[in-house]
Amino acid sequence: MLHFELVTPARLVRSEDVYMVVVPGSEGEFGVLEGHAPFMSTVKDGVLKVYRTESGAPDEIMVQGGFAEVSAAGLTVLAERVEG
């Protein structure tokens, strides 16, 4: 499982283990699975898709701006704003 955290400047929105997250990166959407190579990306306004299981429907979270970091610890998205 991939450890995923969604954070805003005001609060921790989510911290959970998931199957995959699709992030609206400024260079295009990218998916992150467990074991992904480390990297950083800016995040554009759009829909973050959180898949709890391989075959399940995603939770969709509107995010506005920010950064995404993939590390050995998992995926952290620091969003300027989160809706919903």
PDB file of N, CA and C in Angstrom:
ATOM      1  N   MET A   1       0.843  -1.200   0.000  1.00  0.00           N
ATOM      2  CA  MET A   1       0.000   0.000   0.000  1.00  0.00           C
ATOM      3  C   MET A   1       0.881   1.254   0.000  1.00  0.00           C
ATOM      4  N   LEU A   2       0.335   2.304  -0.558  1.00  0.00           N
ATOM      5  CA  LEU A   2       1.011   3.596  -0.636  1.00  0.00           C
ATOM      6  C   LEU A   2       0.514   4.468   0.516  1.00  0.00           C
ATOM      7  N   HIS A   3       1.442   5.066   1.282  1.00  0.00           N
ATOM      8  CA  HIS A   3       1.013   5.993   2.326  1.00  0.00           C
ATOM      9  C   HIS A   3       0.805   7.358   1.673  1.00  0.00           C
ATOM     10  N   PHE A   4      -0.398   7.928   1.867  1.00  0.00           N
ATOM     11  CA  PHE A   4      -0.794   9.181   1.227  1.00  0.00           C
ATOM     12  C   PHE A   4      -1.213  10.197   2.275  1.00  0.00           C
ATOM     13  N   GLU A   5      -0.662  11.402   2.139  1.00  0.00           N
ATOM     14  CA  GLU A   5      -1.084  12.511   3.004  1.00  0.00           C
ATOM     15  C   GLU A   5      -1.448  13.698   2.139  1.00  0.00           C
ATOM     16  N   LEU A   6      -2.591  14.300   2.460  1.00  0.00           N
ATOM     17  CA  LEU A   6      -3.042  15.532   1.812  1.00  0.00           C
ATOM     18  C   LEU A   6      -3.090  16.602   2.889  1.00  0.00           C
ATOM     19  N   VAL A   7      -2.340  17.675   2.661  1.00  0.00           N
ATOM     20  CA  VAL A   7      -2.156  18.712   3.673  1.00  0.00           C
ATOM     21  C   VAL A   7      -2.437  20.067   3.046  1.00  0.00           C
ATOM     22  N   THR A   8      -3.061  20.972   3.819  1.00  0.00           N
ATOM     23  CA  THR A   8      -3.174  22.373   3.442  1.00  0.00           C
ATOM     24  C   THR A   8      -2.395  23.171   4.481  1.00  0.00           C
ATOM     25  N   PRO A   9      -2.169  24.458   4.239  1.00  0.00           N
ATOM     26  CA  PRO A   9      -1.484  25.248   5.265  1.00  0.00           C
ATOM     27  C   PRO A   9      -2.228  25.250   6.612  1.00  0.00           C
ATOM     28  N   ALA A  10      -3.535  24.991   6.580  1.00  0.00           N
ATOM     29  CA  ALA A  10      -4.338  25.048   7.806  1.00  0.00           C
ATOM     30  C   ALA A  10      -4.463  23.715   8.528  1.00  0.00           C
ATOM     31  N   ARG A  11      -4.433  22.580   7.772  1.00  0.00           N
ATOM     32  CA  ARG A  11      -4.731  21.312   8.449  1.00  0.00           C
ATOM     33  C   ARG A  11      -4.282  20.101   7.644  1.00  0.00           C
ATOM     34  N   LEU A  12      -4.223  18.974   8.326  1.00  0.00           N
ATOM     35  CA  LEU A  12      -4.023  17.678   7.687  1.00  0.00           C
ATOM     36  C   LEU A  12      -5.396  17.193   7.239  1.00  0.00           C
ATOM     37  N   VAL A  13      -5.592  17.038   5.938  1.00  0.00           N
ATOM     38  CA  VAL A  13      -6.890  16.663   5.397  1.00  0.00           C
ATOM     39  C   VAL A  13      -7.059  15.148   5.400  1.00  0.00           C
ATOM     40  N   ARG A  14      -6.021  14.417   4.951  1.00  0.00           N
ATOM     41  CA  ARG A  14      -6.065  12.956   4.922  1.00  0.00           C
ATOM     42  C   ARG A  14      -4.687  12.383   5.215  1.00  0.00           C
ATOM     43  N   SER A  15      -4.683  11.257   5.887  1.00  0.00           N
ATOM     44  CA  SER A  15      -3.466  10.473   6.092  1.00  0.00           C
ATOM     45  C   SER A  15      -3.910   9.023   6.125  1.00  0.00           C
ATOM     46  N   GLU A  16      -3.609   8.289   5.052  1.00  0.00           N
ATOM     47  CA  GLU A  16      -4.112   6.923   4.956  1.00  0.00           C
ATOM     48  C   GLU A  16      -3.267   6.116   3.986  1.00  0.00           C
ATOM     49  N   ASP A  17      -3.411   4.806   4.049  1.00  0.00           N
ATOM     50  CA  ASP A  17      -2.770   3.901   3.114  1.00  0.00           C
ATOM     51  C   ASP A  17      -3.762   3.582   2.007  1.00  0.00           C
ATOM     52  N   VAL A  18      -3.343   3.782   0.758  1.00  0.00           N
ATOM     53  CA  VAL A  18      -4.224   3.604  -0.402  1.00  0.00           C
ATOM     54  C   VAL A  18      -3.505   2.785  -1.472  1.00  0.00           C
ATOM     55  N   TYR A  19      -4.252   2.397  -2.515  1.00  0.00           N
ATOM     56  CA  TYR A  19      -3.661   1.641  -3.618  1.00  0.00           C
ATOM     57  C   TYR A  19      -2.904   2.579  -4.570  1.00  0.00           C
ATOM     58  N   MET A  20      -3.564   3.685  -4.993  1.00  0.00           N
ATOM     59  CA  MET A  20      -2.961   4.600  -5.963  1.00  0.00           C
ATOM     60  C   MET A  20      -3.602   5.973  -5.838  1.00  0.00           C
ATOM     61  N   VAL A  21      -2.826   7.009  -6.183  1.00  0.00           N
ATOM     62  CA  VAL A  21      -3.342   8.370  -6.244  1.00  0.00           C
ATOM     63  C   VAL A  21      -2.968   8.946  -7.607  1.00  0.00           C
ATOM     64  N   VAL A  22      -3.936   9.594  -8.274  1.00  0.00           N
ATOM     65  CA  VAL A  22      -3.673  10.298  -9.526  1.00  0.00           C
ATOM     66  C   VAL A  22      -3.717  11.793  -9.215  1.00  0.00           C
ATOM     67  N   VAL A  23      -2.598  12.474  -9.506  1.00  0.00           N
ATOM     68  CA  VAL A  23      -2.411  13.876  -9.139  1.00  0.00           C
ATOM     69  C   VAL A  23      -2.471  14.750 -10.392  1.00  0.00           C
ATOM     70  N   PRO A  24      -3.189  15.900 -10.324  1.00  0.00           N
ATOM     71  CA  PRO A  24      -3.210  16.820 -11.468  1.00  0.00           C
ATOM     72  C   PRO A  24      -1.940  17.677 -11.483  1.00  0.00           C
ATOM     73  N   GLY A  25      -0.859  17.118 -12.004  1.00  0.00           N
ATOM     74  CA  GLY A  25       0.411  17.846 -12.046  1.00  0.00           C
ATOM     75  C   GLY A  25       0.394  18.950 -13.086  1.00  0.00           C
ATOM     76  N   SER A  26       1.234  19.945 -12.917  1.00  0.00           N
ATOM     77  CA  SER A  26       1.267  21.061 -13.861  1.00  0.00           C
ATOM     78  C   SER A  26       1.744  20.627 -15.242  1.00  0.00           C
ATOM     79  N   GLU A  27       2.463  19.499 -15.334  1.00  0.00           N
ATOM     80  CA  GLU A  27       2.911  18.962 -16.623  1.00  0.00           C
ATOM     81  C   GLU A  27       1.978  17.854 -17.112  1.00  0.00           C
ATOM     82  N   GLY A  28       0.872  17.638 -16.415  1.00  0.00           N
ATOM     83  CA  GLY A  28      -0.079  16.587 -16.767  1.00  0.00           C
ATOM     84  C   GLY A  28      -0.335  15.672 -15.586  1.00  0.00           C
ATOM     85  N   GLU A  29      -1.413  14.905 -15.662  1.00  0.00           N
ATOM     86  CA  GLU A  29      -1.755  13.983 -14.575  1.00  0.00           C
ATOM     87  C   GLU A  29      -0.693  12.898 -14.439  1.00  0.00           C
ATOM     88  N   PHE A  30      -0.442  12.479 -13.195  1.00  0.00           N
ATOM     89  CA  PHE A  30       0.447  11.337 -12.987  1.00  0.00           C
ATOM     90  C   PHE A  30      -0.089  10.482 -11.856  1.00  0.00           C
ATOM     91  N   GLY A  31       0.097   9.168 -12.006  1.00  0.00           N
ATOM     92  CA  GLY A  31      -0.343   8.221 -10.997  1.00  0.00           C
ATOM     93  C   GLY A  31       0.823   7.777 -10.141  1.00  0.00           C
ATOM     94  N   VAL A  32       0.565   7.575  -8.859  1.00  0.00           N
ATOM     95  CA  VAL A  32       1.603   7.136  -7.928  1.00  0.00           C
ATOM     96  C   VAL A  32       1.135   5.849  -7.247  1.00  0.00           C
ATOM     97  N   LEU A  33       1.944   4.816  -7.383  1.00  0.00           N
ATOM     98  CA  LEU A  33       1.726   3.538  -6.714  1.00  0.00           C
ATOM     99  C   LEU A  33       2.833   3.334  -5.692  1.00  0.00           C
ATOM    100  N   GLU A  34       2.666   2.359  -4.818  1.00  0.00           N
ATOM    101  CA  GLU A  34       3.715   2.019  -3.863  1.00  0.00           C
ATOM    102  C   GLU A  34       5.008   1.718  -4.621  1.00  0.00           C
ATOM    103  N   GLY A  35       6.131   2.218  -4.101  1.00  0.00           N
ATOM    104  CA  GLY A  35       7.429   1.951  -4.705  1.00  0.00           C
ATOM    105  C   GLY A  35       7.803   2.890  -5.839  1.00  0.00           C
ATOM    106  N   HIS A  36       7.013   3.943  -6.064  1.00  0.00           N
ATOM    107  CA  HIS A  36       7.300   4.910  -7.129  1.00  0.00           C
ATOM    108  C   HIS A  36       8.644   5.592  -6.862  1.00  0.00           C
ATOM    109  N   ALA A  37       9.356   5.921  -7.915  1.00  0.00           N
ATOM    110  CA  ALA A  37      10.632   6.638  -7.784  1.00  0.00           C
ATOM    111  C   ALA A  37      10.388   8.013  -7.170  1.00  0.00           C
ATOM    112  N   PRO A  38      11.297   8.476  -6.323  1.00  0.00           N
ATOM    113  CA  PRO A  38      11.133   9.794  -5.694  1.00  0.00           C
ATOM    114  C   PRO A  38      11.166  10.926  -6.723  1.00  0.00           C
ATOM    115  N   PHE A  39      10.285  11.899  -6.550  1.00  0.00           N
ATOM    116  CA  PHE A  39      10.327  13.119  -7.353  1.00  0.00           C
ATOM    117  C   PHE A  39       9.382  14.149  -6.759  1.00  0.00           C
ATOM    118  N   MET A  40       9.466  15.374  -7.277  1.00  0.00           N
ATOM    119  CA  MET A  40       8.573  16.453  -6.857  1.00  0.00           C
ATOM    120  C   MET A  40       7.917  17.055  -8.093  1.00  0.00           C
ATOM    121  N   SER A  41       6.715  17.587  -7.904  1.00  0.00           N
ATOM    122  CA  SER A  41       5.999  18.234  -8.997  1.00  0.00           C
ATOM    123  C   SER A  41       5.118  19.334  -8.429  1.00  0.00           C
ATOM    124  N   THR A  42       4.890  20.356  -9.233  1.00  0.00           N
ATOM    125  CA  THR A  42       3.867  21.327  -8.853  1.00  0.00           C
ATOM    126  C   THR A  42       2.512  20.743  -9.219  1.00  0.00           C
ATOM    127  N   VAL A  43       1.479  21.201  -8.511  1.00  0.00           N
ATOM    128  CA  VAL A  43       0.113  20.721  -8.706  1.00  0.00           C
ATOM    129  C   VAL A  43      -0.720  21.866  -9.260  1.00  0.00           C
ATOM    130  N   LYS A  44      -1.490  21.576 -10.313  1.00  0.00           N
ATOM    131  CA  LYS A  44      -2.395  22.592 -10.852  1.00  0.00           C
ATOM    132  C   LYS A  44      -3.793  22.374 -10.281  1.00  0.00           C
ATOM    133  N   ASP A  45      -4.653  23.360 -10.436  1.00  0.00           N
ATOM    134  CA  ASP A  45      -6.036  23.221  -9.996  1.00  0.00           C
ATOM    135  C   ASP A  45      -6.668  22.050 -10.732  1.00  0.00           C
ATOM    136  N   GLY A  46      -7.318  21.169  -9.990  1.00  0.00           N
ATOM    137  CA  GLY A  46      -7.950  20.028 -10.629  1.00  0.00           C
ATOM    138  C   GLY A  46      -8.420  19.005  -9.619  1.00  0.00           C
ATOM    139  N   VAL A  47      -8.644  17.778 -10.118  1.00  0.00           N
ATOM    140  CA  VAL A  47      -9.196  16.703  -9.295  1.00  0.00           C
ATOM    141  C   VAL A  47      -8.094  15.715  -8.939  1.00  0.00           C
ATOM    142  N   LEU A  48      -7.924  15.497  -7.645  1.00  0.00           N
ATOM    143  CA  LEU A  48      -7.028  14.465  -7.124  1.00  0.00           C
ATOM    144  C   LEU A  48      -7.878  13.209  -6.962  1.00  0.00           C
ATOM    145  N   LYS A  49      -7.427  12.082  -7.530  1.00  0.00           N
ATOM    146  CA  LYS A  49      -8.200  10.842  -7.470  1.00  0.00           C
ATOM    147  C   LYS A  49      -7.489   9.858  -6.547  1.00  0.00           C
ATOM    148  N   VAL A  50      -8.192   9.412  -5.517  1.00  0.00           N
ATOM    149  CA  VAL A  50      -7.627   8.498  -4.529  1.00  0.00           C
ATOM    150  C   VAL A  50      -8.304   7.140  -4.659  1.00  0.00           C
ATOM    151  N   TYR A  51      -7.518   6.142  -5.060  1.00  0.00           N
ATOM    152  CA  TYR A  51      -8.031   4.778  -5.220  1.00  0.00           C
ATOM    153  C   TYR A  51      -7.658   3.978  -3.978  1.00  0.00           C
ATOM    154  N   ARG A  52      -8.645   3.563  -3.213  1.00  0.00           N
ATOM    155  CA  ARG A  52      -8.379   2.769  -2.005  1.00  0.00           C
ATOM    156  C   ARG A  52      -8.008   1.327  -2.349  1.00  0.00           C
ATOM    157  N   THR A  53      -8.573   0.811  -3.461  1.00  0.00           N
ATOM    158  CA  THR A  53      -8.287  -0.553  -3.914  1.00  0.00           C
ATOM    159  C   THR A  53      -8.017  -0.516  -5.413  1.00  0.00           C
ATOM    160  N   GLU A  54      -7.452  -1.598  -5.942  1.00  0.00           N
ATOM    161  CA  GLU A  54      -7.097  -1.647  -7.361  1.00  0.00           C
ATOM    162  C   GLU A  54      -8.310  -1.526  -8.270  1.00  0.00           C
ATOM    163  N   SER A  55      -9.439  -2.106  -7.874  1.00  0.00           N
ATOM    164  CA  SER A  55     -10.609  -2.116  -8.751  1.00  0.00           C
ATOM    165  C   SER A  55     -11.719  -1.161  -8.309  1.00  0.00           C
ATOM    166  N   GLY A  56     -11.518  -0.443  -7.215  1.00  0.00           N
ATOM    167  CA  GLY A  56     -12.563   0.431  -6.694  1.00  0.00           C
ATOM    168  C   GLY A  56     -12.641   1.763  -7.414  1.00  0.00           C
ATOM    169  N   ALA A  57     -13.776   2.422  -7.274  1.00  0.00           N
ATOM    170  CA  ALA A  57     -13.942   3.770  -7.817  1.00  0.00           C
ATOM    171  C   ALA A  57     -13.168   4.753  -6.935  1.00  0.00           C
ATOM    172  N   PRO A  58     -12.599   5.792  -7.538  1.00  0.00           N
ATOM    173  CA  PRO A  58     -11.790   6.730  -6.740  1.00  0.00           C
ATOM    174  C   PRO A  58     -12.632   7.733  -5.965  1.00  0.00           C
ATOM    175  N   ASP A  59     -12.074   8.180  -4.837  1.00  0.00           N
ATOM    176  CA  ASP A  59     -12.576   9.382  -4.174  1.00  0.00           C
ATOM    177  C   ASP A  59     -11.993  10.548  -4.965  1.00  0.00           C
ATOM    178  N   GLU A  60     -12.816  11.547  -5.275  1.00  0.00           N
ATOM    179  CA  GLU A  60     -12.329  12.707  -6.020  1.00  0.00           C
ATOM    180  C   GLU A  60     -12.313  13.922  -5.104  1.00  0.00           C
ATOM    181  N   ILE A  61     -11.165  14.589  -5.055  1.00  0.00           N
ATOM    182  CA  ILE A  61     -10.977  15.743  -4.179  1.00  0.00           C
ATOM    183  C   ILE A  61     -10.481  16.903  -5.032  1.00  0.00           C
ATOM    184  N   MET A  62     -11.191  18.024  -5.004  1.00  0.00           N
ATOM    185  CA  MET A  62     -10.753  19.213  -5.747  1.00  0.00           C
ATOM    186  C   MET A  62      -9.608  19.881  -4.990  1.00  0.00           C
ATOM    187  N   VAL A  63      -8.505  20.119  -5.694  1.00  0.00           N
ATOM    188  CA  VAL A  63      -7.362  20.810  -5.087  1.00  0.00           C
ATOM    189  C   VAL A  63      -7.021  22.034  -5.924  1.00  0.00           C
ATOM    190  N   GLN A  64      -6.436  23.020  -5.249  1.00  0.00           N
ATOM    191  CA  GLN A  64      -5.989  24.229  -5.945  1.00  0.00           C
ATOM    192  C   GLN A  64      -4.522  24.454  -5.621  1.00  0.00           C
ATOM    193  N   GLY A  65      -3.690  24.340  -6.647  1.00  0.00           N
ATOM    194  CA  GLY A  65      -2.271  24.641  -6.525  1.00  0.00           C
ATOM    195  C   GLY A  65      -1.535  23.829  -5.481  1.00  0.00           C
ATOM    196  N   GLY A  66      -0.230  24.006  -5.445  1.00  0.00           N
ATOM    197  CA  GLY A  66       0.574  23.368  -4.417  1.00  0.00           C
ATOM    198  C   GLY A  66       1.684  22.516  -5.009  1.00  0.00           C
ATOM    199  N   PHE A  67       2.140  21.553  -4.209  1.00  0.00           N
ATOM    200  CA  PHE A  67       3.250  20.687  -4.579  1.00  0.00           C
ATOM    201  C   PHE A  67       2.928  19.244  -4.205  1.00  0.00           C
ATOM    202  N   ALA A  68       3.520  18.313  -4.930  1.00  0.00           N
ATOM    203  CA  ALA A  68       3.431  16.896  -4.596  1.00  0.00           C
ATOM    204  C   ALA A  68       4.850  16.370  -4.458  1.00  0.00           C
ATOM    205  N   GLU A  69       5.087  15.561  -3.429  1.00  0.00           N
ATOM    206  CA  GLU A  69       6.395  14.945  -3.236  1.00  0.00           C
ATOM    207  C   GLU A  69       6.221  13.450  -3.039  1.00  0.00           C
ATOM    208  N   VAL A  70       6.939  12.678  -3.858  1.00  0.00           N
ATOM    209  CA  VAL A  70       6.987  11.228  -3.701  1.00  0.00           C
ATOM    210  C   VAL A  70       8.334  10.900  -3.083  1.00  0.00           C
ATOM    211  N   SER A  71       8.301  10.161  -1.973  1.00  0.00           N
ATOM    212  CA  SER A  71       9.539   9.759  -1.291  1.00  0.00           C
ATOM    213  C   SER A  71       9.389   8.315  -0.845  1.00  0.00           C
ATOM    214  N   ALA A  72      10.408   7.807  -0.184  1.00  0.00           N
ATOM    215  CA  ALA A  72      10.337   6.441   0.338  1.00  0.00           C
ATOM    216  C   ALA A  72       9.186   6.295   1.324  1.00  0.00           C
ATOM    217  N   ALA A  73       8.790   7.396   1.970  1.00  0.00           N
ATOM    218  CA  ALA A  73       7.700   7.363   2.945  1.00  0.00           C
ATOM    219  C   ALA A  73       6.321   7.362   2.290  1.00  0.00           C
ATOM    220  N   GLY A  74       6.239   7.687   0.994  1.00  0.00           N
ATOM    221  CA  GLY A  74       4.957   7.713   0.304  1.00  0.00           C
ATOM    222  C   GLY A  74       4.758   8.999  -0.463  1.00  0.00           C
ATOM    223  N   LEU A  75       3.494   9.401  -0.639  1.00  0.00           N
ATOM    224  CA  LEU A  75       3.126  10.607  -1.386  1.00  0.00           C
ATOM    225  C   LEU A  75       2.544  11.635  -0.434  1.00  0.00           C
ATOM    226  N   THR A  76       3.094  12.846  -0.496  1.00  0.00           N
ATOM    227  CA  THR A  76       2.538  13.967   0.251  1.00  0.00           C
ATOM    228  C   THR A  76       2.149  15.045  -0.743  1.00  0.00           C
ATOM    229  N   VAL A  77       0.889  15.500  -0.662  1.00  0.00           N
ATOM    230  CA  VAL A  77       0.423  16.613  -1.487  1.00  0.00           C
ATOM    231  C   VAL A  77       0.139  17.781  -0.551  1.00  0.00           C
ATOM    232  N   LEU A  78       0.857  18.889  -0.774  1.00  0.00           N
ATOM    233  CA  LEU A  78       0.613  20.120  -0.030  1.00  0.00           C
ATOM    234  C   LEU A  78      -0.164  21.036  -0.967  1.00  0.00           C
ATOM    235  N   ALA A  79      -1.469  21.148  -0.733  1.00  0.00           N
ATOM    236  CA  ALA A  79      -2.338  21.929  -1.597  1.00  0.00           C
ATOM    237  C   ALA A  79      -2.618  23.293  -0.968  1.00  0.00           C
ATOM    238  N   GLU A  80      -2.702  24.312  -1.803  1.00  0.00           N
ATOM    239  CA  GLU A  80      -3.052  25.640  -1.299  1.00  0.00           C
ATOM    240  C   GLU A  80      -4.460  25.643  -0.729  1.00  0.00           C
ATOM    241  N   ARG A  81      -5.377  24.961  -1.439  1.00  0.00           N
ATOM    242  CA  ARG A  81      -6.762  24.829  -0.967  1.00  0.00           C
ATOM    243  C   ARG A  81      -7.302  23.469  -1.361  1.00  0.00           C
ATOM    244  N   VAL A  82      -8.230  22.959  -0.545  1.00  0.00           N
ATOM    245  CA  VAL A  82      -8.928  21.706  -0.831  1.00  0.00           C
ATOM    246  C   VAL A  82     -10.415  21.973  -0.681  1.00  0.00           C
ATOM    247  N   GLU A  83     -11.201  21.514  -1.666  1.00  0.00           N
ATOM    248  CA  GLU A  83     -12.649  21.662  -1.583  1.00  0.00           C
ATOM    249  C   GLU A  83     -13.279  20.301  -1.375  1.00  0.00           C
ATOM    250  N   GLY A  84     -14.144  20.212  -0.395  1.00  0.00           N
ATOM    251  CA  GLY A  84     -14.851  18.965  -0.145  1.00  0.00           C
ATOM    252  C   GLY A  84     -14.160  18.083   0.873  1.00  0.00           C
TER     253      GLY A  84
END
